[in-house]
Amino acid sequence: MRGPDGRDGLWFLSIEVACPVMLVARATGLPYHPGRLALSRRGDRQMYSGTRWRGGPRYRVAVRTGEPVRPTHRDVWLTSRWR
């Protein structure tokens, strides 16, 4: 994605935080919102979840650990283009 100045970058449209102190960053224009974050483990899986206070966006992600993945040239190209 390109920013207004034409530079490539990784852009966060919304960031949920559990610590109300972090909301001070909103004064600088960062898209922080208060939320609930959770981390748990079920067997070989790490479970991450988050919800915005007062409803709105939410997510739930399960990650299973295993052997490290050997990235292909395409993987490196797709993930290395952010600043």
N, C-alpha and C. Protein backbone atom coordinates (compact mmCIF):
# COMPACT_ATOMS: atom_id res chain seq x y z
N MET A 1 0.84 -1.16 0.00
CA MET A 1 0.00 0.00 0.00
C MET A 1 0.89 1.24 0.00
N ARG A 2 0.46 2.26 -0.65
CA ARG A 2 1.24 3.49 -0.70
C ARG A 2 0.58 4.58 0.13
N GLY A 3 1.42 5.36 0.79
CA GLY A 3 0.94 6.47 1.59
C GLY A 3 0.70 7.70 0.73
N PRO A 4 0.22 8.77 1.34
CA PRO A 4 -0.05 10.00 0.60
C PRO A 4 1.19 10.57 -0.10
N ASP A 5 2.37 10.26 0.46
CA ASP A 5 3.60 10.77 -0.15
C ASP A 5 4.15 9.84 -1.23
N GLY A 6 3.42 8.73 -1.53
CA GLY A 6 3.84 7.81 -2.57
C GLY A 6 4.77 6.70 -2.11
N ARG A 7 5.17 6.71 -0.84
CA ARG A 7 6.07 5.67 -0.33
C ARG A 7 5.29 4.41 0.02
N ASP A 8 5.93 3.24 -0.23
CA ASP A 8 5.35 1.97 0.18
C ASP A 8 5.39 1.90 1.70
N GLY A 9 4.47 1.17 2.28
CA GLY A 9 4.49 1.03 3.72
C GLY A 9 3.45 0.04 4.21
N LEU A 10 3.52 -0.24 5.49
CA LEU A 10 2.56 -1.09 6.18
C LEU A 10 1.71 -0.15 7.02
N TRP A 11 0.40 -0.15 6.81
CA TRP A 11 -0.49 0.80 7.44
C TRP A 11 -1.45 0.09 8.38
N PHE A 12 -1.53 0.57 9.61
CA PHE A 12 -2.48 0.04 10.58
C PHE A 12 -3.69 0.95 10.59
N LEU A 13 -4.85 0.41 10.23
CA LEU A 13 -6.07 1.20 10.20
C LEU A 13 -6.73 1.24 11.56
N SER A 14 -6.43 0.25 12.40
CA SER A 14 -6.99 0.18 13.74
C SER A 14 -6.08 -0.68 14.59
N ILE A 15 -5.81 -0.24 15.81
CA ILE A 15 -4.98 -1.01 16.74
C ILE A 15 -5.70 -1.02 18.08
N GLU A 16 -6.09 -2.22 18.55
CA GLU A 16 -6.74 -2.33 19.84
C GLU A 16 -5.69 -2.51 20.92
N VAL A 17 -5.84 -1.81 22.05
CA VAL A 17 -4.89 -1.88 23.15
C VAL A 17 -5.64 -2.12 24.44
N ALA A 18 -5.03 -2.90 25.35
CA ALA A 18 -5.65 -3.21 26.63
C ALA A 18 -5.30 -2.18 27.69
N CYS A 19 -4.27 -1.40 27.48
CA CYS A 19 -3.80 -0.42 28.46
C CYS A 19 -4.35 0.96 28.12
N PRO A 20 -5.22 1.52 28.96
CA PRO A 20 -5.78 2.84 28.67
C PRO A 20 -4.73 3.94 28.49
N VAL A 21 -3.56 3.79 29.11
CA VAL A 21 -2.50 4.79 28.97
C VAL A 21 -2.08 4.93 27.51
N MET A 22 -2.13 3.85 26.76
CA MET A 22 -1.74 3.88 25.35
C MET A 22 -2.66 4.76 24.52
N LEU A 23 -3.84 5.05 25.03
CA LEU A 23 -4.78 5.87 24.27
C LEU A 23 -4.27 7.30 24.11
N VAL A 24 -3.29 7.69 24.90
CA VAL A 24 -2.69 9.01 24.75
C VAL A 24 -2.13 9.15 23.34
N ALA A 25 -1.71 8.04 22.74
CA ALA A 25 -1.15 8.06 21.39
C ALA A 25 -2.19 8.53 20.36
N ARG A 26 -3.47 8.45 20.70
CA ARG A 26 -4.50 8.94 19.76
C ARG A 26 -4.33 10.43 19.50
N ALA A 27 -3.76 11.15 20.47
CA ALA A 27 -3.55 12.59 20.29
C ALA A 27 -2.59 12.87 19.14
N THR A 28 -1.74 11.88 18.81
CA THR A 28 -0.80 12.05 17.71
C THR A 28 -1.36 11.54 16.39
N GLY A 29 -2.61 11.07 16.42
CA GLY A 29 -3.24 10.60 15.19
C GLY A 29 -3.16 9.11 14.97
N LEU A 30 -2.56 8.35 15.90
CA LEU A 30 -2.49 6.90 15.75
C LEU A 30 -3.86 6.29 16.03
N PRO A 31 -4.25 5.25 15.29
CA PRO A 31 -5.60 4.70 15.40
C PRO A 31 -5.77 3.70 16.55
N TYR A 32 -5.42 4.08 17.77
CA TYR A 32 -5.58 3.20 18.93
C TYR A 32 -7.02 3.23 19.43
N HIS A 33 -7.52 2.06 19.87
CA HIS A 33 -8.85 1.94 20.45
C HIS A 33 -8.74 1.02 21.67
N PRO A 34 -9.47 1.32 22.76
CA PRO A 34 -9.42 0.43 23.91
C PRO A 34 -10.06 -0.92 23.58
N GLY A 35 -9.47 -2.00 24.09
CA GLY A 35 -9.99 -3.32 23.80
C GLY A 35 -9.56 -4.33 24.83
N ARG A 36 -10.05 -5.53 24.67
CA ARG A 36 -9.66 -6.65 25.52
C ARG A 36 -8.83 -7.60 24.67
N LEU A 37 -7.68 -7.97 25.20
CA LEU A 37 -6.78 -8.89 24.50
C LEU A 37 -6.58 -10.12 25.36
N ALA A 38 -6.48 -11.28 24.73
CA ALA A 38 -6.29 -12.52 25.47
C ALA A 38 -5.31 -13.43 24.73
N LEU A 39 -4.56 -14.18 25.51
CA LEU A 39 -3.61 -15.17 24.99
C LEU A 39 -3.78 -16.43 25.82
N SER A 40 -3.94 -17.56 25.14
CA SER A 40 -4.07 -18.83 25.85
C SER A 40 -3.39 -19.91 25.03
N ARG A 41 -3.21 -21.06 25.66
CA ARG A 41 -2.57 -22.19 24.98
C ARG A 41 -3.49 -23.40 25.10
N ARG A 42 -3.66 -24.10 23.99
CA ARG A 42 -4.41 -25.35 23.95
C ARG A 42 -3.57 -26.38 23.23
N GLY A 43 -2.96 -27.24 23.99
CA GLY A 43 -2.08 -28.24 23.39
C GLY A 43 -0.91 -27.59 22.68
N ASP A 44 -0.79 -27.83 21.38
CA ASP A 44 0.32 -27.25 20.61
C ASP A 44 -0.08 -25.94 19.93
N ARG A 45 -1.22 -25.36 20.32
CA ARG A 45 -1.69 -24.13 19.68
C ARG A 45 -1.68 -22.95 20.64
N GLN A 46 -1.25 -21.80 20.14
CA GLN A 46 -1.37 -20.52 20.84
C GLN A 46 -2.62 -19.86 20.30
N MET A 47 -3.48 -19.38 21.18
CA MET A 47 -4.72 -18.74 20.78
C MET A 47 -4.64 -17.26 21.14
N TYR A 48 -4.84 -16.39 20.16
CA TYR A 48 -4.85 -14.94 20.36
C TYR A 48 -6.25 -14.44 20.03
N SER A 49 -6.79 -13.57 20.88
CA SER A 49 -8.09 -12.98 20.57
C SER A 49 -8.15 -11.56 21.08
N GLY A 50 -8.97 -10.77 20.45
CA GLY A 50 -9.13 -9.38 20.85
C GLY A 50 -10.49 -8.86 20.42
N THR A 51 -11.05 -8.00 21.24
CA THR A 51 -12.31 -7.34 20.92
C THR A 51 -12.21 -5.88 21.32
N ARG A 52 -12.83 -5.05 20.56
CA ARG A 52 -12.88 -3.62 20.89
C ARG A 52 -13.95 -3.41 21.95
N TRP A 53 -13.64 -2.55 22.94
CA TRP A 53 -14.65 -2.23 23.95
C TRP A 53 -15.85 -1.63 23.27
N ARG A 54 -17.03 -1.84 23.83
CA ARG A 54 -18.28 -1.33 23.29
C ARG A 54 -18.62 -1.94 21.93
N GLY A 55 -18.13 -3.13 21.65
CA GLY A 55 -18.44 -3.79 20.40
C GLY A 55 -17.54 -3.34 19.26
N GLY A 56 -17.85 -3.77 18.08
CA GLY A 56 -17.04 -3.41 16.93
C GLY A 56 -16.16 -4.57 16.48
N PRO A 57 -15.03 -4.26 15.85
CA PRO A 57 -14.16 -5.31 15.31
C PRO A 57 -13.67 -6.28 16.38
N ARG A 58 -13.45 -7.52 15.96
CA ARG A 58 -12.88 -8.54 16.84
C ARG A 58 -12.10 -9.54 16.00
N TYR A 59 -11.22 -10.28 16.65
CA TYR A 59 -10.47 -11.30 15.93
C TYR A 59 -10.17 -12.47 16.86
N ARG A 60 -9.90 -13.62 16.26
CA ARG A 60 -9.46 -14.82 16.97
C ARG A 60 -8.51 -15.56 16.03
N VAL A 61 -7.30 -15.82 16.50
CA VAL A 61 -6.28 -16.45 15.67
C VAL A 61 -5.68 -17.62 16.44
N ALA A 62 -5.53 -18.75 15.78
CA ALA A 62 -4.87 -19.91 16.37
C ALA A 62 -3.59 -20.17 15.59
N VAL A 63 -2.49 -20.33 16.31
CA VAL A 63 -1.19 -20.58 15.69
C VAL A 63 -0.65 -21.88 16.25
N ARG A 64 -0.30 -22.80 15.36
CA ARG A 64 0.28 -24.06 15.79
C ARG A 64 1.78 -24.01 15.53
N THR A 65 2.55 -24.22 16.56
CA THR A 65 4.00 -24.18 16.41
C THR A 65 4.49 -25.48 15.78
N GLY A 66 5.58 -25.38 15.11
CA GLY A 66 6.16 -26.54 14.45
C GLY A 66 7.55 -26.20 13.97
N GLU A 67 8.01 -26.93 13.01
CA GLU A 67 9.32 -26.67 12.43
C GLU A 67 9.32 -25.32 11.71
N PRO A 68 10.43 -24.61 11.75
CA PRO A 68 10.49 -23.33 11.03
C PRO A 68 10.23 -23.53 9.53
N VAL A 69 9.54 -22.58 8.94
CA VAL A 69 9.23 -22.62 7.52
C VAL A 69 10.40 -22.03 6.74
N ARG A 70 10.79 -22.70 5.70
CA ARG A 70 11.85 -22.17 4.83
C ARG A 70 11.18 -21.29 3.77
N PRO A 71 11.39 -19.97 3.85
CA PRO A 71 10.70 -19.09 2.91
C PRO A 71 11.23 -19.23 1.49
N THR A 72 10.31 -19.13 0.54
CA THR A 72 10.69 -19.12 -0.86
C THR A 72 11.06 -17.69 -1.25
N HIS A 73 11.59 -17.52 -2.45
CA HIS A 73 11.93 -16.18 -2.94
C HIS A 73 10.68 -15.30 -2.94
N ARG A 74 9.56 -15.86 -3.35
CA ARG A 74 8.30 -15.11 -3.39
C ARG A 74 7.86 -14.68 -1.98
N ASP A 75 7.99 -15.57 -0.99
CA ASP A 75 7.64 -15.22 0.39
C ASP A 75 8.45 -14.02 0.87
N VAL A 76 9.74 -14.04 0.60
CA VAL A 76 10.60 -12.94 1.02
C VAL A 76 10.20 -11.65 0.30
N TRP A 77 9.93 -11.74 -0.98
CA TRP A 77 9.54 -10.55 -1.74
C TRP A 77 8.23 -9.96 -1.22
N LEU A 78 7.25 -10.81 -0.92
CA LEU A 78 5.95 -10.34 -0.47
C LEU A 78 5.99 -9.72 0.93
N THR A 79 6.88 -10.18 1.78
CA THR A 79 6.89 -9.72 3.17
C THR A 79 8.00 -8.73 3.47
N SER A 80 8.89 -8.45 2.56
CA SER A 80 10.02 -7.57 2.84
C SER A 80 9.84 -6.16 2.28
N ARG A 81 8.70 -5.86 1.74
CA ARG A 81 8.52 -4.58 1.07
C ARG A 81 7.89 -3.52 1.98
N TRP A 82 7.89 -3.71 3.29
CA TRP A 82 7.33 -2.70 4.19
C TRP A 82 8.44 -1.95 4.89
N ARG A 83 8.09 -0.80 5.42
CA ARG A 83 9.06 0.01 6.17
C ARG A 83 8.50 0.32 7.52
